[in-house]
Amino acid sequence: MRWGLSVAQSILYIGRGLSYPIALEGALKLKEISYIHAEGFAAGELKHGPIALIDENIPVVVLAPSDDLFDKTMSNLKEVAARGGRVVLITDEAGQEKAGETPWETIVMPDVDPFVTPILYAIPVQLLAYHVAVLKGTDVDQPRNLAKSVTVE
């Protein structure tokens, strides 16, 4: 069987700056519909605990658009890879070129103004959660134990 995200027990998401909330969103959506343990972290906090969890069984989704924080995020990506972590990089063409062969998989996004990057990058983390859940056979339309936070009377 080919290794993939749908068989992972835990998945970490990291991002810096405006990508950090998208990492949180990705982890939340994955937990909600696939029932895989997932956590989102600020990439700069990786050395303060989460890095101890990383090995060949813990995939890490790295949100890294080519912005002024890209090089720092790539440093984190390399630390993850050095520990055997499988990296799924979400970046643009320039980021893909700079990252080279280090990531296990790369999702290439279009180049856009930094103002809209968080909106655009929310799409692949949600789709990733959806497809992992479908592969696992969970009911993506009615996740277990979730209740609406607002009720309509």
N, C-alpha and C. Protein backbone atom coordinates (compact mmCIF):
# COMPACT_ATOMS: atom_id res chain seq x y z
N MET A 1 0.85 -1.19 0.00
CA MET A 1 0.00 0.00 0.00
C MET A 1 0.89 1.25 0.00
N ARG A 2 0.58 2.20 -0.81
CA ARG A 2 1.33 3.45 -0.89
C ARG A 2 1.01 4.30 0.33
N TRP A 3 2.05 4.90 0.88
CA TRP A 3 1.88 5.74 2.05
C TRP A 3 1.14 7.00 1.64
N GLY A 4 0.25 7.49 2.49
CA GLY A 4 -0.47 8.71 2.19
C GLY A 4 -1.03 9.34 3.44
N LEU A 5 -1.55 10.53 3.31
CA LEU A 5 -2.08 11.25 4.45
C LEU A 5 -3.25 10.53 5.11
N SER A 6 -4.02 9.79 4.34
CA SER A 6 -5.21 9.15 4.90
C SER A 6 -4.89 8.03 5.89
N VAL A 7 -3.65 7.56 5.93
CA VAL A 7 -3.27 6.52 6.89
C VAL A 7 -2.46 7.08 8.05
N ALA A 8 -2.21 8.37 8.06
CA ALA A 8 -1.45 8.98 9.15
C ALA A 8 -2.30 9.03 10.42
N GLN A 9 -1.65 8.91 11.56
CA GLN A 9 -2.33 9.03 12.85
C GLN A 9 -2.43 10.49 13.28
N SER A 10 -1.43 11.28 12.90
CA SER A 10 -1.38 12.71 13.23
C SER A 10 -0.76 13.46 12.06
N ILE A 11 -1.19 14.69 11.89
CA ILE A 11 -0.64 15.56 10.85
C ILE A 11 -0.46 16.95 11.45
N LEU A 12 0.68 17.56 11.19
CA LEU A 12 0.94 18.92 11.66
C LEU A 12 0.86 19.88 10.48
N TYR A 13 0.40 21.09 10.76
CA TYR A 13 0.33 22.18 9.78
C TYR A 13 1.15 23.33 10.34
N ILE A 14 2.00 23.93 9.51
CA ILE A 14 2.74 25.11 9.96
C ILE A 14 2.66 26.22 8.93
N GLY A 15 2.70 27.45 9.43
CA GLY A 15 2.71 28.63 8.58
C GLY A 15 3.20 29.82 9.39
N ARG A 16 3.67 30.83 8.71
CA ARG A 16 4.15 32.06 9.35
C ARG A 16 3.30 33.23 8.90
N GLY A 17 3.22 34.23 9.74
CA GLY A 17 2.48 35.44 9.38
C GLY A 17 1.03 35.12 9.07
N LEU A 18 0.56 35.58 7.91
CA LEU A 18 -0.83 35.35 7.52
C LEU A 18 -1.12 33.89 7.18
N SER A 19 -0.08 33.08 7.03
CA SER A 19 -0.28 31.66 6.75
C SER A 19 -0.55 30.86 8.02
N TYR A 20 -0.22 31.41 9.18
CA TYR A 20 -0.46 30.69 10.44
C TYR A 20 -1.95 30.41 10.67
N PRO A 21 -2.86 31.40 10.52
CA PRO A 21 -4.28 31.07 10.69
C PRO A 21 -4.79 30.04 9.68
N ILE A 22 -4.19 30.00 8.50
CA ILE A 22 -4.59 29.01 7.50
C ILE A 22 -4.11 27.62 7.95
N ALA A 23 -2.95 27.55 8.60
CA ALA A 23 -2.49 26.28 9.17
C ALA A 23 -3.48 25.79 10.23
N LEU A 24 -3.96 26.71 11.06
CA LEU A 24 -4.96 26.34 12.07
C LEU A 24 -6.24 25.84 11.41
N GLU A 25 -6.68 26.53 10.37
CA GLU A 25 -7.88 26.14 9.64
C GLU A 25 -7.73 24.76 9.01
N GLY A 26 -6.58 24.52 8.40
CA GLY A 26 -6.34 23.21 7.78
C GLY A 26 -6.41 22.08 8.79
N ALA A 27 -5.78 22.28 9.95
CA ALA A 27 -5.80 21.26 10.99
C ALA A 27 -7.22 21.04 11.51
N LEU A 28 -7.95 22.12 11.70
CA LEU A 28 -9.32 22.01 12.20
C LEU A 28 -10.20 21.23 11.22
N LYS A 29 -10.13 21.58 9.96
CA LYS A 29 -10.97 20.91 8.96
C LYS A 29 -10.62 19.43 8.86
N LEU A 30 -9.32 19.11 8.92
CA LEU A 30 -8.91 17.71 8.84
C LEU A 30 -9.47 16.93 10.03
N LYS A 31 -9.38 17.49 11.23
CA LYS A 31 -9.92 16.82 12.41
C LYS A 31 -11.43 16.62 12.28
N GLU A 32 -12.12 17.65 11.82
CA GLU A 32 -13.58 17.63 11.77
C GLU A 32 -14.15 16.55 10.87
N ILE A 33 -13.51 16.34 9.72
CA ILE A 33 -14.15 15.42 8.76
C ILE A 33 -13.38 14.13 8.50
N SER A 34 -12.12 14.05 8.91
CA SER A 34 -11.39 12.79 8.68
C SER A 34 -11.09 12.05 9.97
N TYR A 35 -11.23 12.75 11.10
CA TYR A 35 -10.97 12.18 12.43
C TYR A 35 -9.50 11.80 12.63
N ILE A 36 -8.63 12.50 11.94
CA ILE A 36 -7.19 12.35 12.14
C ILE A 36 -6.75 13.47 13.07
N HIS A 37 -5.93 13.14 14.06
CA HIS A 37 -5.40 14.17 14.95
C HIS A 37 -4.55 15.12 14.12
N ALA A 38 -4.82 16.41 14.25
CA ALA A 38 -4.07 17.42 13.50
C ALA A 38 -3.95 18.67 14.36
N GLU A 39 -2.80 19.32 14.24
CA GLU A 39 -2.57 20.58 14.96
C GLU A 39 -1.89 21.57 14.04
N GLY A 40 -2.25 22.83 14.20
CA GLY A 40 -1.61 23.90 13.46
C GLY A 40 -0.70 24.68 14.39
N PHE A 41 0.46 25.06 13.88
CA PHE A 41 1.45 25.80 14.66
C PHE A 41 2.02 26.95 13.85
N ALA A 42 2.43 27.98 14.58
CA ALA A 42 3.24 29.03 13.95
C ALA A 42 4.59 28.40 13.66
N ALA A 43 5.06 28.53 12.44
CA ALA A 43 6.31 27.87 12.05
C ALA A 43 7.48 28.27 12.95
N GLY A 44 7.47 29.50 13.42
CA GLY A 44 8.54 29.97 14.30
C GLY A 44 8.55 29.29 15.66
N GLU A 45 7.46 28.64 16.01
CA GLU A 45 7.36 27.94 17.29
C GLU A 45 7.69 26.46 17.17
N LEU A 46 8.08 26.02 16.00
CA LEU A 46 8.34 24.61 15.77
C LEU A 46 9.35 24.03 16.76
N LYS A 47 10.39 24.79 17.07
CA LYS A 47 11.43 24.30 17.98
C LYS A 47 11.00 24.26 19.44
N HIS A 48 9.84 24.83 19.74
CA HIS A 48 9.38 24.90 21.12
C HIS A 48 8.40 23.77 21.43
N GLY A 49 8.68 22.59 20.95
CA GLY A 49 7.86 21.43 21.28
C GLY A 49 7.44 20.57 20.11
N PRO A 50 6.74 21.13 19.12
CA PRO A 50 6.22 20.27 18.04
C PRO A 50 7.30 19.48 17.29
N ILE A 51 8.50 20.01 17.20
CA ILE A 51 9.55 19.31 16.45
C ILE A 51 9.89 17.96 17.06
N ALA A 52 9.63 17.81 18.35
CA ALA A 52 9.90 16.54 19.02
C ALA A 52 8.97 15.44 18.52
N LEU A 53 7.84 15.79 17.94
CA LEU A 53 6.89 14.81 17.43
C LEU A 53 7.23 14.29 16.04
N ILE A 54 8.11 14.97 15.35
CA ILE A 54 8.31 14.69 13.92
C ILE A 54 9.20 13.48 13.70
N ASP A 55 8.66 12.57 12.88
CA ASP A 55 9.41 11.43 12.37
C ASP A 55 8.78 11.03 11.04
N GLU A 56 9.15 9.87 10.52
CA GLU A 56 8.65 9.47 9.19
C GLU A 56 7.16 9.18 9.16
N ASN A 57 6.52 9.10 10.33
CA ASN A 57 5.08 8.82 10.38
C ASN A 57 4.23 10.07 10.57
N ILE A 58 4.86 11.23 10.73
CA ILE A 58 4.11 12.47 10.96
C ILE A 58 4.29 13.39 9.75
N PRO A 59 3.29 13.44 8.88
CA PRO A 59 3.39 14.39 7.77
C PRO A 59 3.19 15.82 8.28
N VAL A 60 3.82 16.76 7.60
CA VAL A 60 3.72 18.17 7.96
C VAL A 60 3.32 18.95 6.72
N VAL A 61 2.19 19.64 6.81
CA VAL A 61 1.73 20.51 5.73
C VAL A 61 2.32 21.88 6.00
N VAL A 62 3.11 22.38 5.05
CA VAL A 62 3.79 23.66 5.20
C VAL A 62 3.17 24.67 4.24
N LEU A 63 2.62 25.75 4.80
CA LEU A 63 2.05 26.82 4.00
C LEU A 63 3.11 27.90 3.84
N ALA A 64 3.60 28.08 2.61
CA ALA A 64 4.73 28.98 2.40
C ALA A 64 4.65 29.72 1.07
N PRO A 65 3.82 30.74 0.99
CA PRO A 65 3.86 31.56 -0.23
C PRO A 65 5.20 32.28 -0.31
N SER A 66 5.60 32.64 -1.51
CA SER A 66 6.86 33.37 -1.69
C SER A 66 6.69 34.81 -1.22
N ASP A 67 6.92 35.02 0.06
CA ASP A 67 6.82 36.36 0.62
C ASP A 67 8.07 36.63 1.44
N ASP A 68 8.06 37.67 2.24
CA ASP A 68 9.25 38.02 3.01
C ASP A 68 9.55 37.02 4.13
N LEU A 69 8.63 36.10 4.41
CA LEU A 69 8.85 35.08 5.44
C LEU A 69 9.21 33.71 4.85
N PHE A 70 9.29 33.64 3.53
CA PHE A 70 9.50 32.35 2.87
C PHE A 70 10.79 31.67 3.31
N ASP A 71 11.90 32.38 3.34
CA ASP A 71 13.18 31.75 3.68
C ASP A 71 13.18 31.18 5.09
N LYS A 72 12.55 31.87 6.03
CA LYS A 72 12.46 31.34 7.39
C LYS A 72 11.60 30.08 7.44
N THR A 73 10.53 30.08 6.68
CA THR A 73 9.67 28.90 6.63
C THR A 73 10.41 27.73 5.98
N MET A 74 11.23 28.01 4.97
CA MET A 74 12.01 26.95 4.34
C MET A 74 13.01 26.35 5.32
N SER A 75 13.52 27.15 6.21
CA SER A 75 14.41 26.63 7.25
C SER A 75 13.67 25.61 8.11
N ASN A 76 12.41 25.91 8.46
CA ASN A 76 11.59 24.96 9.21
C ASN A 76 11.32 23.71 8.40
N LEU A 77 11.03 23.88 7.13
CA LEU A 77 10.76 22.74 6.24
C LEU A 77 11.97 21.80 6.24
N LYS A 78 13.15 22.36 6.16
CA LYS A 78 14.37 21.54 6.13
C LYS A 78 14.59 20.82 7.46
N GLU A 79 14.23 21.46 8.55
CA GLU A 79 14.34 20.80 9.86
C GLU A 79 13.38 19.61 9.94
N VAL A 80 12.19 19.78 9.41
CA VAL A 80 11.22 18.68 9.39
C VAL A 80 11.76 17.54 8.53
N ALA A 81 12.23 17.87 7.34
CA ALA A 81 12.75 16.84 6.43
C ALA A 81 13.95 16.12 7.02
N ALA A 82 14.81 16.83 7.74
CA ALA A 82 15.99 16.23 8.35
C ALA A 82 15.61 15.19 9.40
N ARG A 83 14.42 15.30 9.95
CA ARG A 83 13.94 14.35 10.95
C ARG A 83 13.06 13.25 10.35
N GLY A 84 13.03 13.21 9.04
CA GLY A 84 12.27 12.18 8.35
C GLY A 84 10.82 12.52 8.10
N GLY A 85 10.39 13.71 8.49
CA GLY A 85 9.00 14.11 8.28
C GLY A 85 8.69 14.26 6.80
N ARG A 86 7.52 13.84 6.43
CA ARG A 86 7.08 13.98 5.04
C ARG A 86 6.38 15.33 4.90
N VAL A 87 6.92 16.16 4.04
CA VAL A 87 6.42 17.53 3.90
C VAL A 87 5.51 17.64 2.68
N VAL A 88 4.32 18.19 2.92
CA VAL A 88 3.43 18.60 1.84
C VAL A 88 3.52 20.12 1.82
N LEU A 89 4.15 20.64 0.81
CA LEU A 89 4.38 22.09 0.69
C LEU A 89 3.28 22.71 -0.16
N ILE A 90 2.68 23.77 0.36
CA ILE A 90 1.72 24.56 -0.41
C ILE A 90 2.38 25.91 -0.64
N THR A 91 2.69 26.20 -1.89
CA THR A 91 3.45 27.39 -2.25
C THR A 91 3.12 27.78 -3.69
N ASP A 92 3.80 28.80 -4.18
CA ASP A 92 3.63 29.22 -5.57
C ASP A 92 4.81 28.69 -6.39
N GLU A 93 4.85 29.04 -7.68
CA GLU A 93 5.91 28.52 -8.55
C GLU A 93 7.31 28.90 -8.07
N ALA A 94 7.49 30.14 -7.63
CA ALA A 94 8.80 30.56 -7.13
C ALA A 94 9.19 29.76 -5.89
N GLY A 95 8.24 29.52 -5.02
CA GLY A 95 8.51 28.72 -3.82
C GLY A 95 8.84 27.28 -4.16
N GLN A 96 8.13 26.72 -5.13
CA GLN A 96 8.42 25.35 -5.56
C GLN A 96 9.85 25.24 -6.08
N GLU A 97 10.25 26.22 -6.87
CA GLU A 97 11.60 26.21 -7.42
C GLU A 97 12.65 26.31 -6.32
N LYS A 98 12.43 27.19 -5.34
CA LYS A 98 13.38 27.35 -4.24
C LYS A 98 13.43 26.13 -3.34
N ALA A 99 12.30 25.45 -3.15
CA ALA A 99 12.24 24.29 -2.26
C ALA A 99 12.92 23.07 -2.87
N GLY A 100 12.97 23.01 -4.18
CA GLY A 100 13.64 21.90 -4.84
C GLY A 100 12.95 20.57 -4.59
N GLU A 101 13.76 19.55 -4.34
CA GLU A 101 13.26 18.18 -4.16
C GLU A 101 12.96 17.82 -2.72
N THR A 102 13.12 18.75 -1.79
CA THR A 102 12.95 18.44 -0.37
C THR A 102 11.53 17.99 -0.01
N PRO A 103 10.48 18.67 -0.46
CA PRO A 103 9.13 18.24 -0.08
C PRO A 103 8.77 16.87 -0.66
N TRP A 104 7.94 16.15 0.08
CA TRP A 104 7.41 14.86 -0.39
C TRP A 104 6.43 15.12 -1.52
N GLU A 105 5.58 16.12 -1.33
CA GLU A 105 4.62 16.55 -2.35
C GLU A 105 4.53 18.07 -2.31
N THR A 106 4.18 18.67 -3.44
CA THR A 106 4.02 20.12 -3.51
C THR A 106 2.71 20.45 -4.22
N ILE A 107 1.95 21.35 -3.63
CA ILE A 107 0.76 21.89 -4.25
C ILE A 107 1.12 23.31 -4.68
N VAL A 108 1.08 23.55 -5.98
CA VAL A 108 1.50 24.84 -6.51
C VAL A 108 0.29 25.74 -6.72
N MET A 109 0.36 26.90 -6.09
CA MET A 109 -0.71 27.89 -6.16
C MET A 109 -0.32 28.99 -7.14
N PRO A 110 -1.30 29.73 -7.65
CA PRO A 110 -0.99 30.85 -8.53
C PRO A 110 -0.33 32.00 -7.76
N ASP A 111 0.43 32.80 -8.47
CA ASP A 111 1.01 34.01 -7.88
C ASP A 111 -0.10 35.05 -7.75
N VAL A 112 -0.28 35.56 -6.54
CA VAL A 112 -1.31 36.57 -6.30
C VAL A 112 -0.75 37.63 -5.37
N ASP A 113 -1.46 38.72 -5.26
CA ASP A 113 -1.10 39.77 -4.32
C ASP A 113 -1.15 39.19 -2.90
N PRO A 114 -0.17 39.53 -2.06
CA PRO A 114 -0.16 39.01 -0.69
C PRO A 114 -1.45 39.26 0.08
N PHE A 115 -2.17 40.29 -0.28
CA PHE A 115 -3.42 40.60 0.39
C PHE A 115 -4.44 39.47 0.30
N VAL A 116 -4.47 38.76 -0.84
CA VAL A 116 -5.45 37.70 -1.03
C VAL A 116 -4.88 36.30 -0.81
N THR A 117 -3.61 36.21 -0.51
CA THR A 117 -2.99 34.89 -0.29
C THR A 117 -3.72 34.05 0.75
N PRO A 118 -4.09 34.60 1.92
CA PRO A 118 -4.79 33.75 2.89
C PRO A 118 -6.11 33.17 2.36
N ILE A 119 -6.83 33.95 1.58
CA ILE A 119 -8.09 33.46 1.02
C ILE A 119 -7.81 32.31 0.05
N LEU A 120 -6.84 32.51 -0.81
CA LEU A 120 -6.50 31.50 -1.81
C LEU A 120 -5.96 30.23 -1.16
N TYR A 121 -5.10 30.36 -0.16
CA TYR A 121 -4.46 29.20 0.46
C TYR A 121 -5.41 28.42 1.38
N ALA A 122 -6.54 29.01 1.72
CA ALA A 122 -7.54 28.28 2.50
C ALA A 122 -8.18 27.17 1.66
N ILE A 123 -8.22 27.37 0.36
CA ILE A 123 -8.88 26.40 -0.52
C ILE A 123 -8.16 25.05 -0.52
N PRO A 124 -6.84 24.99 -0.75
CA PRO A 124 -6.22 23.66 -0.78
C PRO A 124 -6.23 22.95 0.57
N VAL A 125 -6.17 23.67 1.69
CA VAL A 125 -6.20 22.96 2.98
C VAL A 125 -7.59 22.36 3.21
N GLN A 126 -8.62 23.05 2.76
CA GLN A 126 -9.97 22.49 2.88
C GLN A 126 -10.17 21.31 1.94
N LEU A 127 -9.68 21.43 0.72
CA LEU A 127 -9.79 20.33 -0.23
C LEU A 127 -8.96 19.12 0.21
N LEU A 128 -7.82 19.38 0.79
CA LEU A 128 -6.99 18.30 1.31
C LEU A 128 -7.75 17.52 2.39
N ALA A 129 -8.38 18.24 3.30
CA ALA A 129 -9.18 17.59 4.34
C ALA A 129 -10.32 16.79 3.72
N TYR A 130 -10.98 17.36 2.76
CA TYR A 130 -12.09 16.68 2.09
C TYR A 130 -11.63 15.37 1.45
N HIS A 131 -10.56 15.43 0.66
CA HIS A 131 -10.11 14.24 -0.06
C HIS A 131 -9.56 13.16 0.88
N VAL A 132 -8.89 13.57 1.94
CA VAL A 132 -8.43 12.60 2.93
C VAL A 132 -9.63 11.91 3.57
N ALA A 133 -10.65 12.68 3.92
CA ALA A 133 -11.85 12.10 4.53
C ALA A 133 -12.55 11.13 3.58
N VAL A 134 -12.64 11.50 2.32
CA VAL A 134 -13.27 10.62 1.34
C VAL A 134 -12.47 9.31 1.21
N LEU A 135 -11.14 9.42 1.17
CA LEU A 135 -10.31 8.21 1.11
C LEU A 135 -10.51 7.32 2.32
N LYS A 136 -10.74 7.92 3.46
CA LYS A 136 -10.97 7.15 4.69
C LYS A 136 -12.40 6.59 4.76
N GLY A 137 -13.28 7.10 3.92
CA GLY A 137 -14.65 6.62 3.91
C GLY A 137 -15.56 7.28 4.93
N THR A 138 -15.17 8.44 5.43
CA THR A 138 -16.03 9.13 6.39
C THR A 138 -17.11 9.92 5.66
N ASP A 139 -18.17 10.22 6.37
CA ASP A 139 -19.28 10.99 5.79
C ASP A 139 -18.95 12.48 5.91
N VAL A 140 -18.48 13.06 4.83
CA VAL A 140 -18.06 14.46 4.87
C VAL A 140 -19.23 15.42 5.00
N ASP A 141 -20.43 14.95 4.68
CA ASP A 141 -21.60 15.82 4.77
C ASP A 141 -22.21 15.86 6.17
N GLN A 142 -21.91 14.85 6.98
CA GLN A 142 -22.43 14.83 8.34
C GLN A 142 -21.35 14.30 9.29
N PRO A 143 -20.36 15.13 9.59
CA PRO A 143 -19.30 14.69 10.50
C PRO A 143 -19.87 14.38 11.88
N ARG A 144 -19.32 13.37 12.52
CA ARG A 144 -19.83 12.96 13.83
C ARG A 144 -19.50 14.01 14.90
N ASN A 145 -20.34 14.13 15.88
CA ASN A 145 -20.12 14.96 17.06
C ASN A 145 -19.98 16.45 16.81
N LEU A 146 -20.34 16.93 15.64
CA LEU A 146 -20.30 18.37 15.40
C LEU A 146 -21.70 18.95 15.50
N ALA A 147 -21.79 20.06 16.16
CA ALA A 147 -23.08 20.75 16.28
C ALA A 147 -22.91 22.15 15.71
N LYS A 148 -23.98 22.68 15.18
CA LYS A 148 -23.93 24.05 14.69
C LYS A 148 -23.73 24.98 15.88
N SER A 149 -22.88 25.96 15.69
CA SER A 149 -22.62 26.89 16.80
C SER A 149 -23.72 27.94 16.90
N VAL A 150 -24.50 28.10 15.83
CA VAL A 150 -25.60 29.07 15.85
C VAL A 150 -26.86 28.33 15.39
N THR A 151 -27.89 28.46 16.16
CA THR A 151 -29.16 27.83 15.76
C THR A 151 -30.11 28.91 15.27
N VAL A 152 -30.92 28.54 14.33
CA VAL A 152 -31.90 29.45 13.76
C VAL A 152 -33.26 29.08 14.31
N GLU A 153 -33.99 30.06 14.80
CA GLU A 153 -35.32 29.78 15.32
C GLU A 153 -36.38 30.08 14.31
